[in-house]
C-alpha atoms as a PDB file:
ATOM      1  CA  MET A   1     143.601 338.314 133.633  1.00  0.00           C
ATOM      2  CA  VAL A   2     144.906 336.521 130.534  1.00  0.00           C
ATOM      3  CA  THR A   3     143.887 336.798 126.874  1.00  0.00           C
ATOM      4  CA  ILE A   4     142.909 333.772 124.791  1.00  0.00           C
ATOM      5  CA  LYS A   5     141.600 333.181 121.287  1.00  0.00           C
ATOM      6  CA  VAL A   6     138.341 331.244 120.999  1.00  0.00           C
ATOM      7  CA  LEU A   7     137.263 329.594 117.732  1.00  0.00           C
ATOM      8  CA  PHE A   8     133.759 328.329 116.878  1.00  0.00           C
ATOM      9  CA  PHE A   9     132.825 325.918 114.103  1.00  0.00           C
ATOM     10  CA  ALA A  10     129.667 324.707 112.350  1.00  0.00           C
ATOM     11  CA  THR A  11     126.475 325.330 114.379  1.00  0.00           C
ATOM     12  CA  LEU A  12     128.433 326.929 117.217  1.00  0.00           C
ATOM     13  CA  LYS A  13     129.823 329.528 114.818  1.00  0.00           C
ATOM     14  CA  GLU A  14     126.296 330.426 113.734  1.00  0.00           C
ATOM     15  CA  ARG A  15     125.067 330.797 117.316  1.00  0.00           C
ATOM     16  CA  ALA A  16     128.139 332.774 118.384  1.00  0.00           C
ATOM     17  CA  GLY A  17     127.782 335.109 115.415  1.00  0.00           C
ATOM     18  CA  ALA A  18     131.521 334.930 114.748  1.00  0.00           C
ATOM     19  CA  ARG A  19     134.198 332.390 113.890  1.00  0.00           C
ATOM     20  CA  GLU A  20     136.682 333.706 116.426  1.00  0.00           C
ATOM     21  CA  LYS A  21     136.851 335.964 119.442  1.00  0.00           C
ATOM     22  CA  TYR A  22     139.584 337.248 121.704  1.00  0.00           C
ATOM     23  CA  ILE A  23     138.489 337.350 125.311  1.00  0.00           C
ATOM     24  CA  GLU A  24     140.022 337.974 128.708  1.00  0.00           C
ATOM     25  CA  ILE A  25     139.615 335.338 131.395  1.00  0.00           C
ATOM     26  CA  PRO A  26     140.958 334.944 134.933  1.00  0.00           C
ATOM     27  CA  ASP A  27     144.044 332.814 135.404  1.00  0.00           C
ATOM     28  CA  SER A  28     143.502 329.100 136.204  1.00  0.00           C
ATOM     29  CA  VAL A  29     140.207 328.835 134.292  1.00  0.00           C
ATOM     30  CA  ARG A  30     139.168 325.377 133.124  1.00  0.00           C
ATOM     31  CA  ILE A  31     137.327 324.427 129.951  1.00  0.00           C
ATOM     32  CA  GLN A  32     134.035 324.023 131.843  1.00  0.00           C
ATOM     33  CA  ASP A  33     134.464 327.498 133.366  1.00  0.00           C
ATOM     34  CA  LEU A  34     135.042 328.894 129.884  1.00  0.00           C
ATOM     35  CA  LYS A  35     131.903 327.180 128.593  1.00  0.00           C
ATOM     36  CA  ASN A  36     129.913 328.704 131.453  1.00  0.00           C
ATOM     37  CA  LEU A  37     131.353 332.167 130.737  1.00  0.00           C
ATOM     38  CA  LEU A  38     130.616 331.977 127.014  1.00  0.00           C
ATOM     39  CA  GLY A  39     127.124 330.631 127.675  1.00  0.00           C
ATOM     40  CA  HIS A  40     126.429 333.480 130.075  1.00  0.00           C
ATOM     41  CA  GLN A  41     127.589 336.024 127.489  1.00  0.00           C
ATOM     42  CA  ASN A  42     125.526 334.351 124.754  1.00  0.00           C
ATOM     43  CA  PRO A  43     122.592 332.298 126.154  1.00  0.00           C
ATOM     44  CA  GLY A  44     121.759 330.965 122.696  1.00  0.00           C
ATOM     45  CA  LEU A  45     125.164 329.313 122.589  1.00  0.00           C
ATOM     46  CA  ALA A  46     124.888 327.631 125.995  1.00  0.00           C
ATOM     47  CA  PRO A  47     122.927 324.479 124.966  1.00  0.00           C
ATOM     48  CA  LEU A  48     125.435 323.682 122.216  1.00  0.00           C
ATOM     49  CA  LEU A  49     128.443 324.193 124.467  1.00  0.00           C
ATOM     50  CA  ASN A  50     127.164 321.505 126.826  1.00  0.00           C
ATOM     51  CA  SER A  51     127.747 318.803 124.198  1.00  0.00           C
ATOM     52  CA  ALA A  52     130.512 320.467 122.175  1.00  0.00           C
ATOM     53  CA  LEU A  53     133.981 319.043 121.822  1.00  0.00           C
ATOM     54  CA  ALA A  54     136.858 321.279 122.838  1.00  0.00           C
ATOM     55  CA  SER A  55     140.515 321.644 121.989  1.00  0.00           C
ATOM     56  CA  ILE A  56     143.399 323.643 123.404  1.00  0.00           C
ATOM     57  CA  ASN A  57     146.138 324.542 120.933  1.00  0.00           C
ATOM     58  CA  ARG A  58     144.815 321.921 118.486  1.00  0.00           C
ATOM     59  CA  GLU A  59     144.756 319.045 120.996  1.00  0.00           C
ATOM     60  CA  PHE A  60     141.502 317.586 122.355  1.00  0.00           C
ATOM     61  CA  ALA A  61     140.675 318.994 125.772  1.00  0.00           C
ATOM     62  CA  PHE A  62     138.270 318.018 128.534  1.00  0.00           C
ATOM     63  CA  ASP A  63     136.156 320.048 130.938  1.00  0.00           C
ATOM     64  CA  ASP A  64     138.695 319.893 133.759  1.00  0.00           C
ATOM     65  CA  ASP A  65     141.670 320.958 131.623  1.00  0.00           C
ATOM     66  CA  LEU A  66     143.213 324.346 132.474  1.00  0.00           C
ATOM     67  CA  VAL A  67     143.300 327.016 129.768  1.00  0.00           C
ATOM     68  CA  PRO A  68     146.780 328.587 129.589  1.00  0.00           C
ATOM     69  CA  ALA A  69     147.444 332.239 128.772  1.00  0.00           C
ATOM     70  CA  GLY A  70     147.566 332.926 125.046  1.00  0.00           C
ATOM     71  CA  ALA A  71     145.855 329.635 124.206  1.00  0.00           C
ATOM     72  CA  GLU A  72     143.801 328.972 121.109  1.00  0.00           C
ATOM     73  CA  VAL A  73     140.637 327.228 122.297  1.00  0.00           C
ATOM     74  CA  ALA A  74     138.151 325.769 119.821  1.00  0.00           C
ATOM     75  CA  PHE A  75     134.600 324.481 120.305  1.00  0.00           C
ATOM     76  CA  PHE A  76     132.937 322.263 117.722  1.00  0.00           C
ATOM     77  CA  PRO A  77     130.318 319.521 117.387  1.00  0.00           C
ATOM     78  CA  PRO A  78     131.312 315.850 117.058  1.00  0.00           C
ATOM     79  CA  VAL A  79     133.005 315.320 113.732  1.00  0.00           C
ATOM     80  CA  SER A  80     130.825 313.862 111.003  1.00  0.00           C
ATOM     81  CA  GLY A  81     131.809 310.440 109.796  1.00  0.00           C
ATOM     82  CA  GLY A  82     130.879 311.281 106.230  1.00  0.00           C
ATOM     83  CA  SER A  83     128.390 309.603 103.920  1.00  0.00           C
ATOM     84  CA  ASP A  84     130.826 306.775 103.119  1.00  0.00           C
ATOM     85  CA  ALA A  85     131.355 305.919 106.790  1.00  0.00           C
ATOM     86  CA  PRO A  86     128.220 306.873 108.757  1.00  0.00           C
ATOM     87  CA  THR A  87     128.752 307.087 112.489  1.00  0.00           C
ATOM     88  CA  ILE A  88     126.141 307.861 115.133  1.00  0.00           C
ATOM     89  CA  TYR A  89     126.844 308.421 118.814  1.00  0.00           C
ATOM     90  CA  VAL A  90     123.895 309.689 120.785  1.00  0.00           C
ATOM     91  CA  ILE A  91     122.751 310.084 124.383  1.00  0.00           C
ATOM     92  CA  THR A  92     118.991 310.352 124.587  1.00  0.00           C
ATOM     93  CA  GLU A  93     115.973 310.160 126.867  1.00  0.00           C
ATOM     94  CA  GLU A  94     113.802 309.023 123.950  1.00  0.00           C
ATOM     95  CA  PRO A  95     112.914 305.377 123.142  1.00  0.00           C
ATOM     96  CA  LEU A  96     115.366 303.636 120.815  1.00  0.00           C
ATOM     97  CA  ASP A  97     114.041 303.149 117.277  1.00  0.00           C
ATOM     98  CA  ILE A  98     116.241 300.337 115.968  1.00  0.00           C
ATOM     99  CA  ASP A  99     114.877 300.440 112.414  1.00  0.00           C
ATOM    100  CA  GLN A 100     115.461 304.170 112.176  1.00  0.00           C
ATOM    101  CA  LEU A 101     118.993 303.903 113.575  1.00  0.00           C
ATOM    102  CA  LEU A 102     119.850 301.057 111.184  1.00  0.00           C
ATOM    103  CA  SER A 103     118.621 303.087 108.227  1.00  0.00           C
ATOM    104  CA  GLN A 104     121.138 305.810 109.128  1.00  0.00           C
ATOM    105  CA  ILE A 105     124.118 303.442 109.041  1.00  0.00           C
ATOM    106  CA  THR A 106     123.071 301.425 105.989  1.00  0.00           C
ATOM    107  CA  LEU A 107     124.789 302.026 102.633  1.00  0.00           C
ATOM    108  CA  PRO A 108     123.938 300.656  99.180  1.00  0.00           C
ATOM    109  CA  THR A 109     126.744 298.114  99.728  1.00  0.00           C
ATOM    110  CA  THR A 110     125.442 296.986 103.135  1.00  0.00           C
ATOM    111  CA  GLY A 111     124.312 293.388 103.336  1.00  0.00           C
ATOM    112  CA  ALA A 112     124.668 292.607 107.028  1.00  0.00           C
ATOM    113  CA  ALA A 113     124.060 294.257 110.373  1.00  0.00           C
ATOM    114  CA  CYS A 114     124.840 293.157 113.896  1.00  0.00           C
ATOM    115  CA  VAL A 115     122.860 294.888 116.630  1.00  0.00           C
ATOM    116  CA  PHE A 116     123.330 294.534 120.379  1.00  0.00           C
ATOM    117  CA  THR A 117     120.808 296.053 122.767  1.00  0.00           C
ATOM    118  CA  GLY A 118     120.902 295.894 126.538  1.00  0.00           C
ATOM    119  CA  LEU A 119     117.586 295.716 128.397  1.00  0.00           C
ATOM    120  CA  VAL A 120     116.456 296.507 131.916  1.00  0.00           C
ATOM    121  CA  ARG A 121     116.247 293.111 133.621  1.00  0.00           C
ATOM    122  CA  ALA A 122     113.351 292.582 136.034  1.00  0.00           C
ATOM    123  CA  ILE A 123     114.814 289.501 137.731  1.00  0.00           C
ATOM    124  CA  THR A 124     118.515 288.846 138.286  1.00  0.00           C
ATOM    125  CA  ARG A 125     119.410 285.247 139.092  1.00  0.00           C
ATOM    126  CA  ARG A 126     123.218 285.432 138.749  1.00  0.00           C
ATOM    127  CA  ASP A 127     125.612 286.585 141.497  1.00  0.00           C
ATOM    128  CA  ASP A 128     123.283 288.563 143.805  1.00  0.00           C
ATOM    129  CA  PRO A 129     119.715 287.407 142.986  1.00  0.00           C
ATOM    130  CA  HIS A 130     117.170 290.216 143.237  1.00  0.00           C
ATOM    131  CA  GLU A 131     114.270 291.986 141.516  1.00  0.00           C
ATOM    132  CA  THR A 132     114.483 295.397 139.872  1.00  0.00           C
ATOM    133  CA  VAL A 133     111.607 297.891 139.761  1.00  0.00           C
ATOM    134  CA  PHE A 134     113.448 300.375 137.534  1.00  0.00           C
ATOM    135  CA  LEU A 135     116.888 301.728 136.666  1.00  0.00           C
ATOM    136  CA  GLU A 136     117.824 305.402 136.556  1.00  0.00           C
ATOM    137  CA  TYR A 137     120.698 306.228 134.213  1.00  0.00           C
ATOM    138  CA  GLU A 138     122.942 309.268 134.570  1.00  0.00           C
ATOM    139  CA  THR A 139     125.849 310.425 132.399  1.00  0.00           C
ATOM    140  CA  TYR A 140     128.608 313.018 132.174  1.00  0.00           C
ATOM    141  CA  GLN A 141     127.289 313.933 128.751  1.00  0.00           C
ATOM    142  CA  SER A 142     130.005 316.101 127.226  1.00  0.00           C
ATOM    143  CA  MET A 143     132.695 313.572 128.099  1.00  0.00           C
ATOM    144  CA  ALA A 144     130.489 310.582 127.272  1.00  0.00           C
ATOM    145  CA  GLU A 145     129.978 311.809 123.704  1.00  0.00           C
ATOM    146  CA  VAL A 146     133.736 312.143 123.226  1.00  0.00           C
ATOM    147  CA  LYS A 147     134.336 308.629 124.537  1.00  0.00           C
ATOM    148  CA  MET A 148     131.501 307.142 122.454  1.00  0.00           C
ATOM    149  CA  ARG A 149     133.156 308.627 119.394  1.00  0.00           C
ATOM    150  CA  GLN A 150     136.407 307.032 120.554  1.00  0.00           C
ATOM    151  CA  VAL A 151     134.681 303.633 120.777  1.00  0.00           C
ATOM    152  CA  ALA A 152     133.506 304.005 117.174  1.00  0.00           C
ATOM    153  CA  GLU A 153     136.978 305.005 116.013  1.00  0.00           C
ATOM    154  CA  GLU A 154     138.551 302.023 117.769  1.00  0.00           C
ATOM    155  CA  ILE A 155     136.066 299.694 116.054  1.00  0.00           C
ATOM    156  CA  ARG A 156     137.019 301.130 112.657  1.00  0.00           C
ATOM    157  CA  GLN A 157     140.715 300.684 113.372  1.00  0.00           C
ATOM    158  CA  ARG A 158     140.256 297.030 114.288  1.00  0.00           C
ATOM    159  CA  TRP A 159     137.605 296.088 111.708  1.00  0.00           C
ATOM    160  CA  PRO A 160     138.117 298.227 108.566  1.00  0.00           C
ATOM    161  CA  ALA A 161     135.348 296.388 106.714  1.00  0.00           C
ATOM    162  CA  VAL A 162     132.704 297.845 109.052  1.00  0.00           C
ATOM    163  CA  GLU A 163     130.653 300.436 107.136  1.00  0.00           C
ATOM    164  CA  GLY A 164     128.322 302.053 109.650  1.00  0.00           C
ATOM    165  CA  ILE A 165     128.422 302.290 113.430  1.00  0.00           C
ATOM    166  CA  ALA A 166     125.803 303.401 115.943  1.00  0.00           C
ATOM    167  CA  VAL A 167     126.537 303.858 119.652  1.00  0.00           C
ATOM    168  CA  VAL A 168     123.437 304.994 121.560  1.00  0.00           C
ATOM    169  CA  GLN A 169     122.811 305.284 125.293  1.00  0.00           C
ATOM    170  CA  ARG A 170     119.495 306.053 126.966  1.00  0.00           C
ATOM    171  CA  ILE A 171     119.363 307.980 130.228  1.00  0.00           C
ATOM    172  CA  GLY A 172     116.641 308.703 132.744  1.00  0.00           C
ATOM    173  CA  LYS A 173     114.207 306.320 134.476  1.00  0.00           C
ATOM    174  CA  LEU A 174     113.819 303.037 132.577  1.00  0.00           C
ATOM    175  CA  TYR A 175     111.590 300.097 133.438  1.00  0.00           C
ATOM    176  CA  PRO A 176     112.070 296.338 132.900  1.00  0.00           C
ATOM    177  CA  GLY A 177     112.016 295.258 129.271  1.00  0.00           C
ATOM    178  CA  THR A 178     113.187 298.672 128.038  1.00  0.00           C
ATOM    179  CA  PRO A 179     116.271 298.872 125.776  1.00  0.00           C
ATOM    180  CA  THR A 180     118.939 300.960 127.484  1.00  0.00           C
ATOM    181  CA  VAL A 181     121.900 300.861 125.104  1.00  0.00           C
ATOM    182  CA  LEU A 182     122.527 299.990 121.464  1.00  0.00           C
ATOM    183  CA  ILE A 183     125.654 299.094 119.543  1.00  0.00           C
ATOM    184  CA  ALA A 184     125.142 298.418 115.840  1.00  0.00           C
ATOM    185  CA  CYS A 185     127.655 297.677 113.095  1.00  0.00           C
ATOM    186  CA  THR A 186     126.942 297.224 109.401  1.00  0.00           C
ATOM    187  CA  ALA A 187     129.099 295.754 106.640  1.00  0.00           C
ATOM    188  CA  ALA A 188     128.862 294.252 103.182  1.00  0.00           C
ATOM    189  CA  HIS A 189     128.897 290.666 104.523  1.00  0.00           C
ATOM    190  CA  ARG A 190     128.416 288.892 107.844  1.00  0.00           C
ATOM    191  CA  ASP A 191     131.894 287.338 107.805  1.00  0.00           C
ATOM    192  CA  THR A 192     133.693 290.715 107.994  1.00  0.00           C
ATOM    193  CA  GLY A 193     133.966 290.914 111.775  1.00  0.00           C
ATOM    194  CA  ILE A 194     130.727 292.740 112.613  1.00  0.00           C
ATOM    195  CA  PHE A 195     129.793 290.259 115.353  1.00  0.00           C
ATOM    196  CA  GLU A 196     133.144 290.776 117.046  1.00  0.00           C
ATOM    197  CA  ALA A 197     132.984 294.540 116.422  1.00  0.00           C
ATOM    198  CA  ALA A 198     129.595 294.902 118.108  1.00  0.00           C
ATOM    199  CA  ARG A 199     130.767 292.807 121.084  1.00  0.00           C
ATOM    200  CA  TYR A 200     133.885 294.944 121.374  1.00  0.00           C
ATOM    201  CA  GLY A 201     131.741 298.096 121.206  1.00  0.00           C
ATOM    202  CA  ILE A 202     129.529 297.236 124.169  1.00  0.00           C
ATOM    203  CA  ASP A 203     132.452 295.961 126.250  1.00  0.00           C
ATOM    204  CA  ARG A 204     134.447 299.119 125.526  1.00  0.00           C
ATOM    205  CA  LEU A 205     131.479 301.383 126.259  1.00  0.00           C
ATOM    206  CA  LYS A 206     131.204 299.762 129.697  1.00  0.00           C
ATOM    207  CA  GLU A 207     134.882 300.572 130.300  1.00  0.00           C
ATOM    208  CA  ILE A 208     135.378 304.175 129.220  1.00  0.00           C
ATOM    209  CA  VAL A 209     132.024 305.925 128.651  1.00  0.00           C
ATOM    210  CA  PRO A 210     130.928 307.704 131.869  1.00  0.00           C
ATOM    211  CA  VAL A 211     127.413 306.334 132.399  1.00  0.00           C
ATOM    212  CA  TRP A 212     126.056 305.183 135.748  1.00  0.00           C
ATOM    213  CA  LYS A 213     122.850 303.539 136.840  1.00  0.00           C
ATOM    214  CA  LYS A 214     120.904 303.565 140.091  1.00  0.00           C
ATOM    215  CA  GLU A 215     119.042 300.338 140.643  1.00  0.00           C
ATOM    216  CA  VAL A 216     115.753 300.622 142.501  1.00  0.00           C
ATOM    217  CA  GLY A 217     114.240 297.421 143.839  1.00  0.00           C
ATOM    218  CA  LEU A 218     111.725 296.160 146.326  1.00  0.00           C
ATOM    219  CA  HIS A 219     114.180 296.501 149.199  1.00  0.00           C
ATOM    220  CA  GLY A 220     115.912 299.782 148.465  1.00  0.00           C
ATOM    221  CA  GLN A 221     118.189 301.395 145.910  1.00  0.00           C
ATOM    222  CA  THR A 222     121.876 301.442 145.080  1.00  0.00           C
ATOM    223  CA  TRP A 223     124.255 302.961 142.557  1.00  0.00           C
ATOM    224  CA  VAL A 224     125.868 300.268 140.424  1.00  0.00           C
ATOM    225  CA  GLU A 225     129.572 300.940 139.896  1.00  0.00           C
ATOM    226  CA  GLY A 226     132.095 299.204 137.681  1.00  0.00           C
ATOM    227  CA  ASP A 227     135.634 298.137 138.493  1.00  0.00           C
ATOM    228  CA  TYR A 228     137.548 299.345 135.417  1.00  0.00           C
ATOM    229  CA  PHE A 229     140.058 302.145 135.987  1.00  0.00           C
ATOM    230  CA  PRO A 230     141.163 303.885 132.751  1.00  0.00           C
ATOM    231  CA  THR A 231     144.847 304.218 131.950  1.00  0.00           C
ATOM    232  CA  GLU A 232     146.863 306.364 129.554  1.00  0.00           C
ATOM    233  CA  ILE A 233     145.909 304.103 126.654  1.00  0.00           C
ATOM    234  CA  ASP A 234     142.246 305.048 127.110  1.00  0.00           C
ATOM    235  CA  LEU A 235     142.813 308.749 126.352  1.00  0.00           C
ATOM    236  CA  THR A 236     141.800 310.026 122.938  1.00  0.00           C
ATOM    237  CA  GLN A 237     145.069 311.964 122.876  1.00  0.00           C
ATOM    238  CA  PRO A 238     147.932 310.780 125.115  1.00  0.00           C
ATOM    239  CA  ARG A 239     149.194 313.473 127.452  1.00  0.00           C
ATOM    240  CA  LYS A 240     152.533 314.941 126.521  1.00  0.00           C
ATOM    241  CA  GLY A 241     155.250 313.265 128.516  1.00  0.00           C
ATOM    242  CA  ALA A 242     153.041 310.305 129.377  1.00  0.00           C
ATOM    243  CA  GLY A 243     155.093 307.211 129.983  1.00  0.00           C
ATOM    244  CA  GLU A 244     158.334 309.155 130.203  1.00  0.00           C
ATOM    245  CA  GLY A 245     160.734 309.082 133.110  1.00  0.00           C
END
């Protein structure tokens, strides 16, 4: 057994009833194992842990990362973008309300918005022509939320004039004509890069956010997979020693 320090912030702190705890865990425990242990000890905390971000010794950590002896592990919700830079990244089974989402990323200085939404297509004519009855979306939610936040941060780095950003993905069974994903960027003017920013957002989401879809048609069903393999540059925090040697 090894001893670690666990920190909780914001809503997780309230559910845990404490800001920090020292606990004993078996050796070779991963972040997901620790989440399961903490959720078992405090069932009220379990739902929040599923979507919480994690860090080990003040570096972002993922569910498969091992927790070393003596580590300081923190759990916290996605960081707020602040009222001057509203950022939304959401995974939901509910219908997308574009007006409501736009209102959340609109500031008094906002004069332009670029919104991209993907829809379930009933008939595909390009590449492999076929008809679709419905799509079923699945996601690795805790990781997907981290990577959606990364997409928003990358947009801000490349287009500083962007004011608000929304990255929203629907999951579950969706029928033709239904919006499945939304990328929205707002800015003071239309010539500030928001068209390019929104295009970058959807392309980047397709690369690094773990979302999959099963396509069900008249002649069977299949999981649709991409062909992008992430590299070191796609990590939110490069691994120590990466690129060395």
